[in-house]
Amino acid sequence: MDAYLRLKKQFEINGDSKKAVKMTAYMRYLFPFYGIPSPKRKAIYKGFLKAEKQKKEIDWDLLDACYADEYREFQYFVVDYLTTMKKFLTYDDLPHLMKYIKTKPWWDTIDGFTRIIGHMGLKDARIHDLMLIWSKDDDFWIRRMAINHQLGRKAKTNTQLLEQILLNNFGSSEFFINKAIGWSLRDYSKTNPEWVRHFIETYKDQMDALSIREASKYL
């Protein structure tokens, strides 16, 4: 708890009320902000995260306290902490992660956790089956994570898994889902444009226009 209070004090000292107003508005007034830009925020706890990494053990009590704080910078800290410690995460840690994912969800934290889950999938094949389950979840944020969890994998992309997850999400009217479908295809098109081109040609009648537009950006 001492670490949480020290971090809170640093956030309060470095806050900018004018920036806070703009950041809060940008996030549709869903969360209050201290008004600390990302580079400055990360600089505040850079040394702390470096020390935590040497411990090779995740402090879930600290993360729980931080994620419960009303200010959005604390949720960003948790994402950055877990990104730093991702090599120490295991499948058994998923209940912890799900608690954060389900709390105060918006695209900013969801996309951060997606990268963390994606890294876990490279180490544990059980994540593949889990992503198929998530791709049919009632919560569209969970489905978005399944759709985008392979971003950046390039040649390591499991195309069979990607295809099935995308098929499970066709017909959605949710912006964040259709955007994610296009985003996942656009990212993979940098590695295998022919696969993406064939995918679009095969399923274009089932795809939302937004998905096709995003997917075709680099083709």
C-alpha atoms as a PDB file:
ATOM      1  CA  MET A   1       0.000   0.000   0.000  1.00  0.00           C
ATOM      2  CA  ASP A   2       2.932   2.327   0.633  1.00  0.00           C
ATOM      3  CA  ALA A   3       3.887   2.049  -3.044  1.00  0.00           C
ATOM      4  CA  TYR A   4       0.348   2.981  -4.057  1.00  0.00           C
ATOM      5  CA  LEU A   5       0.352   6.056  -1.800  1.00  0.00           C
ATOM      6  CA  ARG A   6       3.769   7.158  -3.057  1.00  0.00           C
ATOM      7  CA  LEU A   7       2.595   6.819  -6.637  1.00  0.00           C
ATOM      8  CA  LYS A   8      -0.585   8.734  -5.876  1.00  0.00           C
ATOM      9  CA  LYS A   9       1.426  11.561  -4.373  1.00  0.00           C
ATOM     10  CA  GLN A  10       3.610  11.753  -7.489  1.00  0.00           C
ATOM     11  CA  PHE A  11       0.553  11.810  -9.728  1.00  0.00           C
ATOM     12  CA  GLU A  12      -0.937  14.640  -7.663  1.00  0.00           C
ATOM     13  CA  ILE A  13       2.290  16.642  -7.806  1.00  0.00           C
ATOM     14  CA  ASN A  14       2.645  16.213 -11.557  1.00  0.00           C
ATOM     15  CA  GLY A  15      -1.000  16.721 -12.469  1.00  0.00           C
ATOM     16  CA  ASP A  16      -2.084  19.453 -14.860  1.00  0.00           C
ATOM     17  CA  SER A  17      -5.667  20.636 -14.437  1.00  0.00           C
ATOM     18  CA  LYS A  18      -5.920  22.058 -17.956  1.00  0.00           C
ATOM     19  CA  LYS A  19      -4.680  18.852 -19.542  1.00  0.00           C
ATOM     20  CA  ALA A  20      -6.965  16.886 -17.223  1.00  0.00           C
ATOM     21  CA  VAL A  21     -10.019  18.659 -18.637  1.00  0.00           C
ATOM     22  CA  LYS A  22      -9.000  17.814 -22.197  1.00  0.00           C
ATOM     23  CA  MET A  23      -8.125  14.198 -21.403  1.00  0.00           C
ATOM     24  CA  THR A  24     -11.391  13.681 -19.561  1.00  0.00           C
ATOM     25  CA  ALA A  25     -13.334  15.124 -22.484  1.00  0.00           C
ATOM     26  CA  TYR A  26     -11.433  12.944 -24.970  1.00  0.00           C
ATOM     27  CA  MET A  27     -12.494   9.880 -22.994  1.00  0.00           C
ATOM     28  CA  ARG A  28     -16.138  11.038 -23.102  1.00  0.00           C
ATOM     29  CA  TYR A  29     -16.122  12.038 -19.416  1.00  0.00           C
ATOM     30  CA  LEU A  30     -16.022   8.398 -18.357  1.00  0.00           C
ATOM     31  CA  PHE A  31     -13.016   8.811 -16.042  1.00  0.00           C
ATOM     32  CA  PRO A  32     -11.294  11.644 -14.155  1.00  0.00           C
ATOM     33  CA  PHE A  33      -7.661  12.362 -15.026  1.00  0.00           C
ATOM     34  CA  TYR A  34      -4.752  14.013 -13.286  1.00  0.00           C
ATOM     35  CA  GLY A  35      -3.751  15.377 -16.677  1.00  0.00           C
ATOM     36  CA  ILE A  36      -0.366  13.680 -17.026  1.00  0.00           C
ATOM     37  CA  PRO A  37       0.741  12.930 -20.620  1.00  0.00           C
ATOM     38  CA  SER A  38       1.858   9.355 -21.284  1.00  0.00           C
ATOM     39  CA  PRO A  39       5.648  10.023 -21.541  1.00  0.00           C
ATOM     40  CA  LYS A  40       5.674  11.989 -18.301  1.00  0.00           C
ATOM     41  CA  ARG A  41       3.478   9.441 -16.543  1.00  0.00           C
ATOM     42  CA  LYS A  42       5.742   6.559 -17.545  1.00  0.00           C
ATOM     43  CA  ALA A  43       8.821   8.505 -16.464  1.00  0.00           C
ATOM     44  CA  ILE A  44       7.336   8.859 -12.969  1.00  0.00           C
ATOM     45  CA  TYR A  45       7.353   5.106 -12.343  1.00  0.00           C
ATOM     46  CA  LYS A  46      10.070   3.944 -14.723  1.00  0.00           C
ATOM     47  CA  GLY A  47      12.521   3.274 -11.903  1.00  0.00           C
ATOM     48  CA  PHE A  48       9.897   1.537  -9.814  1.00  0.00           C
ATOM     49  CA  LEU A  49       8.968  -0.862 -12.628  1.00  0.00           C
ATOM     50  CA  LYS A  50      12.624  -1.629 -13.232  1.00  0.00           C
ATOM     51  CA  ALA A  51      13.009  -2.602  -9.577  1.00  0.00           C
ATOM     52  CA  GLU A  52       9.808  -4.663  -9.643  1.00  0.00           C
ATOM     53  CA  LYS A  53      11.051  -6.614 -12.654  1.00  0.00           C
ATOM     54  CA  GLN A  54      14.120  -7.653 -10.682  1.00  0.00           C
ATOM     55  CA  LYS A  55      11.825  -9.172  -8.032  1.00  0.00           C
ATOM     56  CA  LYS A  56      10.238 -11.444 -10.676  1.00  0.00           C
ATOM     57  CA  GLU A  57       7.001 -11.499  -8.694  1.00  0.00           C
ATOM     58  CA  ILE A  58       3.779  -9.636  -9.393  1.00  0.00           C
ATOM     59  CA  ASP A  59       2.389  -7.527  -6.540  1.00  0.00           C
ATOM     60  CA  TRP A  60      -1.338  -8.145  -7.013  1.00  0.00           C
ATOM     61  CA  ASP A  61      -2.243  -6.244  -3.839  1.00  0.00           C
ATOM     62  CA  LEU A  62      -0.609  -3.131  -5.260  1.00  0.00           C
ATOM     63  CA  LEU A  63      -2.335  -3.588  -8.592  1.00  0.00           C
ATOM     64  CA  ASP A  64      -5.710  -4.091  -6.923  1.00  0.00           C
ATOM     65  CA  ALA A  65      -5.306  -0.848  -5.001  1.00  0.00           C
ATOM     66  CA  CYS A  66      -4.226   1.041  -8.089  1.00  0.00           C
ATOM     67  CA  TYR A  67      -6.960  -0.292 -10.334  1.00  0.00           C
ATOM     68  CA  ALA A  68      -9.596   0.633  -7.767  1.00  0.00           C
ATOM     69  CA  ASP A  69      -8.486   4.279  -7.816  1.00  0.00           C
ATOM     70  CA  GLU A  70     -10.865   6.573  -9.684  1.00  0.00           C
ATOM     71  CA  TYR A  71      -8.148   8.337 -11.696  1.00  0.00           C
ATOM     72  CA  ARG A  72      -7.437   6.843 -15.106  1.00  0.00           C
ATOM     73  CA  GLU A  73      -3.673   7.181 -14.799  1.00  0.00           C
ATOM     74  CA  PHE A  74      -3.783   4.379 -12.231  1.00  0.00           C
ATOM     75  CA  GLN A  75      -5.396   1.969 -14.669  1.00  0.00           C
ATOM     76  CA  TYR A  76      -2.686   2.917 -17.182  1.00  0.00           C
ATOM     77  CA  PHE A  77      -0.068   2.180 -14.536  1.00  0.00           C
ATOM     78  CA  VAL A  78      -1.501  -1.317 -14.009  1.00  0.00           C
ATOM     79  CA  VAL A  79      -1.363  -1.996 -17.757  1.00  0.00           C
ATOM     80  CA  ASP A  80       2.231  -0.724 -17.915  1.00  0.00           C
ATOM     81  CA  TYR A  81       3.198  -2.757 -14.847  1.00  0.00           C
ATOM     82  CA  LEU A  82       1.785  -5.981 -16.302  1.00  0.00           C
ATOM     83  CA  THR A  83       3.361  -5.242 -19.678  1.00  0.00           C
ATOM     84  CA  THR A  84       6.726  -4.925 -17.936  1.00  0.00           C
ATOM     85  CA  MET A  85       6.091  -8.146 -16.004  1.00  0.00           C
ATOM     86  CA  LYS A  86       4.439 -10.105 -18.819  1.00  0.00           C
ATOM     87  CA  LYS A  87       7.121 -12.811 -18.901  1.00  0.00           C
ATOM     88  CA  PHE A  88       6.105 -13.772 -15.357  1.00  0.00           C
ATOM     89  CA  LEU A  89       2.399 -14.068 -16.110  1.00  0.00           C
ATOM     90  CA  THR A  90       0.885 -17.543 -16.379  1.00  0.00           C
ATOM     91  CA  TYR A  91      -2.460 -18.994 -17.371  1.00  0.00           C
ATOM     92  CA  ASP A  92      -3.350 -19.214 -13.670  1.00  0.00           C
ATOM     93  CA  ASP A  93      -3.182 -15.411 -13.466  1.00  0.00           C
ATOM     94  CA  LEU A  94      -6.143 -14.988 -15.821  1.00  0.00           C
ATOM     95  CA  PRO A  95      -8.673 -14.463 -12.976  1.00  0.00           C
ATOM     96  CA  HIS A  96      -6.632 -11.450 -11.842  1.00  0.00           C
ATOM     97  CA  LEU A  97      -6.511 -10.090 -15.367  1.00  0.00           C
ATOM     98  CA  MET A  98     -10.216 -10.672 -15.966  1.00  0.00           C
ATOM     99  CA  LYS A  99     -11.066  -8.666 -12.865  1.00  0.00           C
ATOM    100  CA  TYR A 100      -9.254  -5.648 -14.336  1.00  0.00           C
ATOM    101  CA  ILE A 101     -10.524  -6.223 -17.870  1.00  0.00           C
ATOM    102  CA  LYS A 102     -14.120  -6.233 -16.636  1.00  0.00           C
ATOM    103  CA  THR A 103     -13.659  -3.113 -14.496  1.00  0.00           C
ATOM    104  CA  LYS A 104     -13.941   0.334 -16.118  1.00  0.00           C
ATOM    105  CA  PRO A 105     -13.488  -1.078 -19.643  1.00  0.00           C
ATOM    106  CA  TRP A 106     -12.809   1.248 -22.533  1.00  0.00           C
ATOM    107  CA  TRP A 107     -10.648   0.903 -25.622  1.00  0.00           C
ATOM    108  CA  ASP A 108      -7.548   2.376 -23.946  1.00  0.00           C
ATOM    109  CA  THR A 109      -7.175  -0.283 -21.249  1.00  0.00           C
ATOM    110  CA  ILE A 110      -8.753  -3.070 -23.304  1.00  0.00           C
ATOM    111  CA  ASP A 111      -6.179  -2.691 -26.070  1.00  0.00           C
ATOM    112  CA  GLY A 112      -3.393  -2.659 -23.493  1.00  0.00           C
ATOM    113  CA  PHE A 113      -4.601  -5.901 -21.930  1.00  0.00           C
ATOM    114  CA  THR A 114      -5.040  -7.386 -25.409  1.00  0.00           C
ATOM    115  CA  ARG A 115      -1.298  -7.125 -26.035  1.00  0.00           C
ATOM    116  CA  ILE A 116      -0.615  -8.792 -22.697  1.00  0.00           C
ATOM    117  CA  ILE A 117      -2.995 -11.674 -23.464  1.00  0.00           C
ATOM    118  CA  GLY A 118      -1.454 -11.982 -26.919  1.00  0.00           C
ATOM    119  CA  HIS A 119       2.002 -12.429 -25.415  1.00  0.00           C
ATOM    120  CA  MET A 120       0.662 -15.121 -23.103  1.00  0.00           C
ATOM    121  CA  GLY A 121      -0.721 -16.912 -26.159  1.00  0.00           C
ATOM    122  CA  LEU A 122       2.769 -17.265 -27.592  1.00  0.00           C
ATOM    123  CA  LYS A 123       3.792 -19.212 -24.498  1.00  0.00           C
ATOM    124  CA  ASP A 124       0.649 -21.204 -23.725  1.00  0.00           C
ATOM    125  CA  ALA A 125      -1.496 -22.862 -26.402  1.00  0.00           C
ATOM    126  CA  ARG A 126      -4.466 -22.936 -24.032  1.00  0.00           C
ATOM    127  CA  ILE A 127      -4.940 -19.257 -24.862  1.00  0.00           C
ATOM    128  CA  HIS A 128      -5.957 -20.299 -28.406  1.00  0.00           C
ATOM    129  CA  ASP A 129      -9.011 -22.187 -27.175  1.00  0.00           C
ATOM    130  CA  LEU A 130      -9.785 -19.415 -24.720  1.00  0.00           C
ATOM    131  CA  MET A 131      -9.770 -16.821 -27.502  1.00  0.00           C
ATOM    132  CA  LEU A 132     -12.310 -18.877 -29.449  1.00  0.00           C
ATOM    133  CA  ILE A 133     -14.535 -18.815 -26.388  1.00  0.00           C
ATOM    134  CA  TRP A 134     -13.954 -15.097 -25.896  1.00  0.00           C
ATOM    135  CA  SER A 135     -14.810 -14.452 -29.551  1.00  0.00           C
ATOM    136  CA  LYS A 136     -18.411 -15.420 -28.735  1.00  0.00           C
ATOM    137  CA  ASP A 137     -18.679 -13.643 -25.400  1.00  0.00           C
ATOM    138  CA  ASP A 138     -21.670 -11.408 -24.678  1.00  0.00           C
ATOM    139  CA  ASP A 139     -19.272  -8.595 -23.731  1.00  0.00           C
ATOM    140  CA  PHE A 140     -18.058  -6.937 -26.935  1.00  0.00           C
ATOM    141  CA  TRP A 141     -14.864  -5.767 -25.218  1.00  0.00           C
ATOM    142  CA  ILE A 142     -13.956  -9.418 -24.589  1.00  0.00           C
ATOM    143  CA  ARG A 143     -14.697 -10.212 -28.223  1.00  0.00           C
ATOM    144  CA  ARG A 144     -12.528  -7.285 -29.306  1.00  0.00           C
ATOM    145  CA  MET A 145      -9.642  -8.724 -27.310  1.00  0.00           C
ATOM    146  CA  ALA A 146     -10.017 -12.089 -29.033  1.00  0.00           C
ATOM    147  CA  ILE A 147     -10.083 -10.427 -32.451  1.00  0.00           C
ATOM    148  CA  ASN A 148      -6.945  -8.379 -31.862  1.00  0.00           C
ATOM    149  CA  HIS A 149      -4.863 -10.633 -29.618  1.00  0.00           C
ATOM    150  CA  GLN A 150      -2.553 -11.646 -32.503  1.00  0.00           C
ATOM    151  CA  LEU A 151      -1.646  -8.093 -33.531  1.00  0.00           C
ATOM    152  CA  GLY A 152       2.044  -7.782 -34.313  1.00  0.00           C
ATOM    153  CA  ARG A 153       2.709 -11.513 -34.634  1.00  0.00           C
ATOM    154  CA  LYS A 154       3.528 -11.256 -38.340  1.00  0.00           C
ATOM    155  CA  ALA A 155       4.612 -14.693 -39.611  1.00  0.00           C
ATOM    156  CA  LYS A 156       3.663 -16.273 -36.274  1.00  0.00           C
ATOM    157  CA  THR A 157      -0.001 -15.433 -36.843  1.00  0.00           C
ATOM    158  CA  ASN A 158      -2.289 -18.448 -36.553  1.00  0.00           C
ATOM    159  CA  THR A 159      -4.443 -17.729 -39.602  1.00  0.00           C
ATOM    160  CA  GLN A 160      -6.872 -20.570 -38.940  1.00  0.00           C
ATOM    161  CA  LEU A 161      -7.550 -19.168 -35.483  1.00  0.00           C
ATOM    162  CA  LEU A 162      -7.789 -15.618 -36.820  1.00  0.00           C
ATOM    163  CA  GLU A 163     -10.269 -16.614 -39.500  1.00  0.00           C
ATOM    164  CA  GLN A 164     -12.565 -18.461 -37.102  1.00  0.00           C
ATOM    165  CA  ILE A 165     -12.550 -15.604 -34.594  1.00  0.00           C
ATOM    166  CA  LEU A 166     -13.421 -13.098 -37.310  1.00  0.00           C
ATOM    167  CA  LEU A 167     -16.203 -15.310 -38.667  1.00  0.00           C
ATOM    168  CA  ASN A 168     -17.655 -15.497 -35.158  1.00  0.00           C
ATOM    169  CA  ASN A 169     -17.974 -11.716 -35.156  1.00  0.00           C
ATOM    170  CA  PHE A 170     -19.483 -11.015 -38.546  1.00  0.00           C
ATOM    171  CA  GLY A 171     -22.888  -9.362 -38.472  1.00  0.00           C
ATOM    172  CA  SER A 172     -22.129  -7.115 -35.510  1.00  0.00           C
ATOM    173  CA  SER A 173     -23.330  -3.518 -35.507  1.00  0.00           C
ATOM    174  CA  GLU A 174     -20.826  -2.579 -32.801  1.00  0.00           C
ATOM    175  CA  PHE A 175     -18.267  -0.013 -34.011  1.00  0.00           C
ATOM    176  CA  PHE A 176     -15.490  -1.350 -31.790  1.00  0.00           C
ATOM    177  CA  ILE A 177     -15.963  -4.857 -33.166  1.00  0.00           C
ATOM    178  CA  ASN A 178     -16.050  -3.916 -36.840  1.00  0.00           C
ATOM    179  CA  LYS A 179     -13.076  -1.604 -36.339  1.00  0.00           C
ATOM    180  CA  ALA A 180     -11.167  -4.425 -34.639  1.00  0.00           C
ATOM    181  CA  ILE A 181     -11.887  -6.843 -37.483  1.00  0.00           C
ATOM    182  CA  GLY A 182     -10.454  -4.374 -39.957  1.00  0.00           C
ATOM    183  CA  TRP A 183      -7.516  -3.585 -37.684  1.00  0.00           C
ATOM    184  CA  SER A 184      -6.535  -7.250 -37.305  1.00  0.00           C
ATOM    185  CA  LEU A 185      -6.640  -7.807 -41.068  1.00  0.00           C
ATOM    186  CA  ARG A 186      -4.817  -4.576 -41.839  1.00  0.00           C
ATOM    187  CA  ASP A 187      -2.027  -5.526 -39.436  1.00  0.00           C
ATOM    188  CA  TYR A 188      -1.599  -8.972 -40.977  1.00  0.00           C
ATOM    189  CA  SER A 189      -1.735  -7.540 -44.503  1.00  0.00           C
ATOM    190  CA  LYS A 190       1.732  -6.094 -43.869  1.00  0.00           C
ATOM    191  CA  THR A 191       3.009  -9.686 -43.625  1.00  0.00           C
ATOM    192  CA  ASN A 192       0.704 -11.609 -45.945  1.00  0.00           C
ATOM    193  CA  PRO A 193      -1.326  -9.301 -48.193  1.00  0.00           C
ATOM    194  CA  GLU A 194      -2.485 -12.161 -50.418  1.00  0.00           C
ATOM    195  CA  TRP A 195      -4.093 -13.988 -47.501  1.00  0.00           C
ATOM    196  CA  VAL A 196      -5.932 -10.846 -46.445  1.00  0.00           C
ATOM    197  CA  ARG A 197      -6.957 -10.045 -50.003  1.00  0.00           C
ATOM    198  CA  HIS A 198      -8.356 -13.549 -50.418  1.00  0.00           C
ATOM    199  CA  PHE A 199     -10.133 -13.314 -47.054  1.00  0.00           C
ATOM    200  CA  ILE A 200     -11.865 -10.073 -48.032  1.00  0.00           C
ATOM    201  CA  GLU A 201     -12.850 -11.424 -51.432  1.00  0.00           C
ATOM    202  CA  THR A 202     -14.287 -14.568 -49.819  1.00  0.00           C
ATOM    203  CA  TYR A 203     -16.255 -12.873 -47.064  1.00  0.00           C
ATOM    204  CA  LYS A 204     -16.928  -9.354 -48.365  1.00  0.00           C
ATOM    205  CA  ASP A 205     -20.679  -9.931 -48.485  1.00  0.00           C
ATOM    206  CA  GLN A 206     -20.671 -10.703 -44.755  1.00  0.00           C
ATOM    207  CA  MET A 207     -18.269  -7.958 -43.700  1.00  0.00           C
ATOM    208  CA  ASP A 208     -19.156  -4.487 -42.511  1.00  0.00           C
ATOM    209  CA  ALA A 209     -17.988  -1.650 -44.772  1.00  0.00           C
ATOM    210  CA  LEU A 210     -15.840  -0.261 -41.949  1.00  0.00           C
ATOM    211  CA  SER A 211     -14.020  -3.588 -41.603  1.00  0.00           C
ATOM    212  CA  ILE A 212     -13.323  -3.787 -45.331  1.00  0.00           C
ATOM    213  CA  ARG A 213     -12.119  -0.205 -45.456  1.00  0.00           C
ATOM    214  CA  GLU A 214      -9.740  -0.683 -42.550  1.00  0.00           C
ATOM    215  CA  ALA A 215      -8.520  -4.063 -43.781  1.00  0.00           C
ATOM    216  CA  SER A 216      -7.773  -2.722 -47.273  1.00  0.00           C
ATOM    217  CA  LYS A 217      -5.726   0.268 -46.186  1.00  0.00           C
ATOM    218  CA  TYR A 218      -2.331  -1.226 -47.126  1.00  0.00           C
ATOM    219  CA  LEU A 219      -3.458  -3.503 -49.944  1.00  0.00           C
END
